[in-house]
């Protein structure tokens, strides 16, 4: 997640992941999570590729999580 949607997508590309990748600016991430919720899921497990830095986690906490509370 990044405020810059294109930057977030670039960061996600090429990551060695299994499963669905959710990436983008906060609105895009919310939209993707809403789609998952509409399928009946009420929980997701998140990982952040830059876990040493807190910027993307803080953005997620500040701008994404409140949309689901």
N, C-alpha and C. Protein backbone atom coordinates (compact mmCIF):
# COMPACT_ATOMS: atom_id res chain seq x y z
N UNK A 1 0.85 -1.18 0.00
CA UNK A 1 0.00 0.00 0.00
C UNK A 1 0.89 1.24 0.00
N UNK A 2 0.46 2.19 -0.76
CA UNK A 2 1.19 3.46 -0.84
C UNK A 2 0.19 4.51 -1.31
N UNK A 3 0.38 5.75 -0.92
CA UNK A 3 -0.52 6.81 -1.40
C UNK A 3 -0.47 6.92 -2.92
N UNK A 4 0.65 6.55 -3.51
CA UNK A 4 0.82 6.55 -4.97
C UNK A 4 0.45 5.16 -5.49
N UNK A 5 -0.71 5.06 -6.15
CA UNK A 5 -1.22 3.77 -6.62
C UNK A 5 -0.21 3.04 -7.50
N UNK A 6 0.36 3.74 -8.47
CA UNK A 6 1.30 3.09 -9.39
C UNK A 6 2.53 2.57 -8.65
N UNK A 7 3.02 3.33 -7.68
CA UNK A 7 4.18 2.88 -6.89
C UNK A 7 3.83 1.62 -6.12
N UNK A 8 2.64 1.56 -5.55
CA UNK A 8 2.22 0.37 -4.80
C UNK A 8 2.14 -0.85 -5.70
N UNK A 9 1.63 -0.68 -6.91
CA UNK A 9 1.55 -1.80 -7.85
C UNK A 9 2.95 -2.27 -8.23
N UNK A 10 3.85 -1.33 -8.49
CA UNK A 10 5.24 -1.71 -8.83
C UNK A 10 5.88 -2.49 -7.68
N UNK A 11 5.64 -2.07 -6.45
CA UNK A 11 6.22 -2.77 -5.30
C UNK A 11 5.69 -4.20 -5.21
N UNK A 12 4.43 -4.39 -5.57
CA UNK A 12 3.82 -5.72 -5.48
C UNK A 12 4.25 -6.65 -6.61
N UNK A 13 4.56 -6.08 -7.77
CA UNK A 13 4.95 -6.89 -8.92
C UNK A 13 6.26 -7.61 -8.62
N UNK A 14 6.30 -8.84 -9.00
CA UNK A 14 7.54 -9.59 -8.86
C UNK A 14 7.77 -10.14 -7.47
N UNK A 15 6.87 -9.87 -6.53
CA UNK A 15 7.02 -10.45 -5.20
C UNK A 15 6.66 -11.92 -5.30
N UNK A 16 7.42 -12.72 -4.62
CA UNK A 16 7.18 -14.16 -4.62
C UNK A 16 6.09 -14.45 -3.59
N UNK A 17 4.84 -14.46 -4.05
CA UNK A 17 3.72 -14.64 -3.14
C UNK A 17 2.88 -15.82 -3.58
N UNK A 18 2.16 -16.35 -2.63
CA UNK A 18 1.15 -17.34 -2.97
C UNK A 18 -0.18 -16.76 -2.54
N UNK A 19 -1.19 -16.96 -3.33
CA UNK A 19 -2.49 -16.40 -3.01
C UNK A 19 -2.71 -15.06 -3.68
N UNK A 20 -3.74 -14.39 -3.25
CA UNK A 20 -4.14 -13.12 -3.85
C UNK A 20 -3.29 -11.98 -3.31
N UNK A 21 -2.89 -11.10 -4.19
CA UNK A 21 -2.14 -9.91 -3.80
C UNK A 21 -3.09 -8.72 -3.82
N UNK A 22 -3.11 -7.97 -2.75
CA UNK A 22 -3.89 -6.75 -2.65
C UNK A 22 -2.90 -5.61 -2.61
N UNK A 23 -3.00 -4.71 -3.58
CA UNK A 23 -2.02 -3.62 -3.67
C UNK A 23 -2.69 -2.40 -4.25
N UNK A 24 -2.12 -1.24 -3.95
CA UNK A 24 -2.61 0.01 -4.51
C UNK A 24 -2.64 1.10 -3.47
N UNK A 25 -3.31 2.18 -3.83
CA UNK A 25 -3.49 3.26 -2.88
C UNK A 25 -4.60 2.84 -1.91
N UNK A 26 -4.83 3.58 -0.83
CA UNK A 26 -5.82 3.15 0.16
C UNK A 26 -7.21 2.88 -0.43
N UNK A 27 -7.68 3.69 -1.36
CA UNK A 27 -9.00 3.45 -1.95
C UNK A 27 -9.02 2.13 -2.72
N UNK A 28 -7.98 1.87 -3.50
CA UNK A 28 -7.92 0.62 -4.27
C UNK A 28 -7.86 -0.58 -3.34
N UNK A 29 -7.10 -0.47 -2.25
CA UNK A 29 -7.02 -1.56 -1.29
C UNK A 29 -8.39 -1.80 -0.65
N UNK A 30 -9.08 -0.72 -0.27
CA UNK A 30 -10.43 -0.86 0.28
C UNK A 30 -11.35 -1.54 -0.72
N UNK A 31 -11.32 -1.12 -1.96
CA UNK A 31 -12.16 -1.71 -2.99
C UNK A 31 -11.91 -3.20 -3.12
N UNK A 32 -10.65 -3.60 -3.10
CA UNK A 32 -10.30 -5.02 -3.21
C UNK A 32 -10.78 -5.79 -1.98
N UNK A 33 -10.65 -5.20 -0.81
CA UNK A 33 -11.11 -5.86 0.41
C UNK A 33 -12.63 -5.96 0.44
N UNK A 34 -13.33 -4.94 -0.08
CA UNK A 34 -14.79 -5.01 -0.17
C UNK A 34 -15.22 -6.17 -1.07
N UNK A 35 -14.51 -6.38 -2.17
CA UNK A 35 -14.82 -7.50 -3.06
C UNK A 35 -14.67 -8.83 -2.33
N UNK A 36 -13.62 -8.94 -1.54
CA UNK A 36 -13.40 -10.17 -0.76
C UNK A 36 -14.52 -10.35 0.26
N UNK A 37 -14.91 -9.27 0.92
CA UNK A 37 -16.00 -9.33 1.90
C UNK A 37 -17.31 -9.74 1.24
N UNK A 38 -17.56 -9.24 0.03
CA UNK A 38 -18.79 -9.59 -0.68
C UNK A 38 -18.84 -11.07 -1.03
N UNK A 39 -17.69 -11.72 -1.11
CA UNK A 39 -17.65 -13.16 -1.36
C UNK A 39 -17.94 -13.96 -0.09
N UNK A 40 -18.07 -13.26 1.04
CA UNK A 40 -18.41 -13.94 2.28
C UNK A 40 -17.28 -14.06 3.28
N UNK A 41 -16.11 -13.59 2.92
CA UNK A 41 -14.99 -13.66 3.86
C UNK A 41 -15.11 -12.54 4.88
N UNK A 42 -14.83 -12.86 6.14
CA UNK A 42 -14.88 -11.83 7.18
C UNK A 42 -13.53 -11.63 7.85
N UNK A 43 -12.49 -12.21 7.27
CA UNK A 43 -11.14 -12.05 7.82
C UNK A 43 -10.12 -12.22 6.69
N UNK A 44 -9.06 -11.45 6.74
CA UNK A 44 -7.94 -11.61 5.83
C UNK A 44 -6.65 -11.58 6.65
N UNK A 45 -5.64 -12.21 6.13
CA UNK A 45 -4.32 -12.17 6.74
C UNK A 45 -3.46 -11.28 5.85
N UNK A 46 -2.87 -10.27 6.44
CA UNK A 46 -2.07 -9.34 5.65
C UNK A 46 -0.60 -9.48 5.98
N UNK A 47 0.21 -9.25 4.97
CA UNK A 47 1.65 -9.14 5.15
C UNK A 47 2.09 -7.88 4.41
N UNK A 48 3.14 -7.30 4.87
CA UNK A 48 3.66 -6.07 4.26
C UNK A 48 5.10 -6.33 3.84
N UNK A 49 5.39 -6.19 2.55
CA UNK A 49 6.73 -6.54 2.06
C UNK A 49 7.84 -5.68 2.66
N UNK A 50 7.51 -4.48 3.10
CA UNK A 50 8.53 -3.61 3.70
C UNK A 50 8.31 -3.54 5.21
N UNK A 51 8.25 -4.72 5.86
CA UNK A 51 7.87 -4.73 7.27
C UNK A 51 8.86 -4.01 8.17
N UNK A 52 10.07 -3.76 7.70
CA UNK A 52 11.04 -3.02 8.50
C UNK A 52 10.65 -1.54 8.59
N UNK A 53 9.96 -1.07 7.57
CA UNK A 53 9.49 0.31 7.54
C UNK A 53 8.01 0.30 7.94
N UNK A 54 7.57 1.32 8.61
CA UNK A 54 6.20 1.33 9.10
C UNK A 54 5.24 2.17 8.27
N UNK A 55 5.74 2.83 7.23
CA UNK A 55 4.89 3.75 6.46
C UNK A 55 3.66 3.06 5.88
N UNK A 56 3.84 1.90 5.23
CA UNK A 56 2.70 1.25 4.60
C UNK A 56 1.74 0.69 5.65
N UNK A 57 2.26 0.18 6.76
CA UNK A 57 1.38 -0.32 7.82
C UNK A 57 0.58 0.83 8.44
N UNK A 58 1.24 1.95 8.66
CA UNK A 58 0.55 3.11 9.23
C UNK A 58 -0.55 3.60 8.29
N UNK A 59 -0.26 3.63 7.01
CA UNK A 59 -1.26 4.03 6.02
C UNK A 59 -2.45 3.07 6.05
N UNK A 60 -2.19 1.78 6.15
CA UNK A 60 -3.24 0.77 6.23
C UNK A 60 -4.09 0.99 7.48
N UNK A 61 -3.43 1.20 8.61
CA UNK A 61 -4.14 1.41 9.88
C UNK A 61 -4.96 2.70 9.85
N UNK A 62 -4.38 3.75 9.32
CA UNK A 62 -5.04 5.06 9.34
C UNK A 62 -6.14 5.22 8.30
N UNK A 63 -5.98 4.60 7.13
CA UNK A 63 -6.91 4.89 6.04
C UNK A 63 -7.73 3.71 5.54
N UNK A 64 -7.30 2.48 5.83
CA UNK A 64 -8.05 1.32 5.34
C UNK A 64 -8.90 0.71 6.45
N UNK A 65 -8.30 0.38 7.56
CA UNK A 65 -9.04 -0.28 8.64
C UNK A 65 -10.28 0.50 9.07
N UNK A 66 -10.21 1.83 9.22
CA UNK A 66 -11.42 2.55 9.64
C UNK A 66 -12.62 2.36 8.70
N UNK A 67 -12.38 2.03 7.45
CA UNK A 67 -13.47 1.81 6.50
C UNK A 67 -14.25 0.53 6.79
N UNK A 68 -13.69 -0.33 7.64
CA UNK A 68 -14.31 -1.62 7.93
C UNK A 68 -14.75 -1.75 9.38
N UNK A 69 -14.69 -0.67 10.12
CA UNK A 69 -15.09 -0.70 11.54
C UNK A 69 -16.51 -0.23 11.71
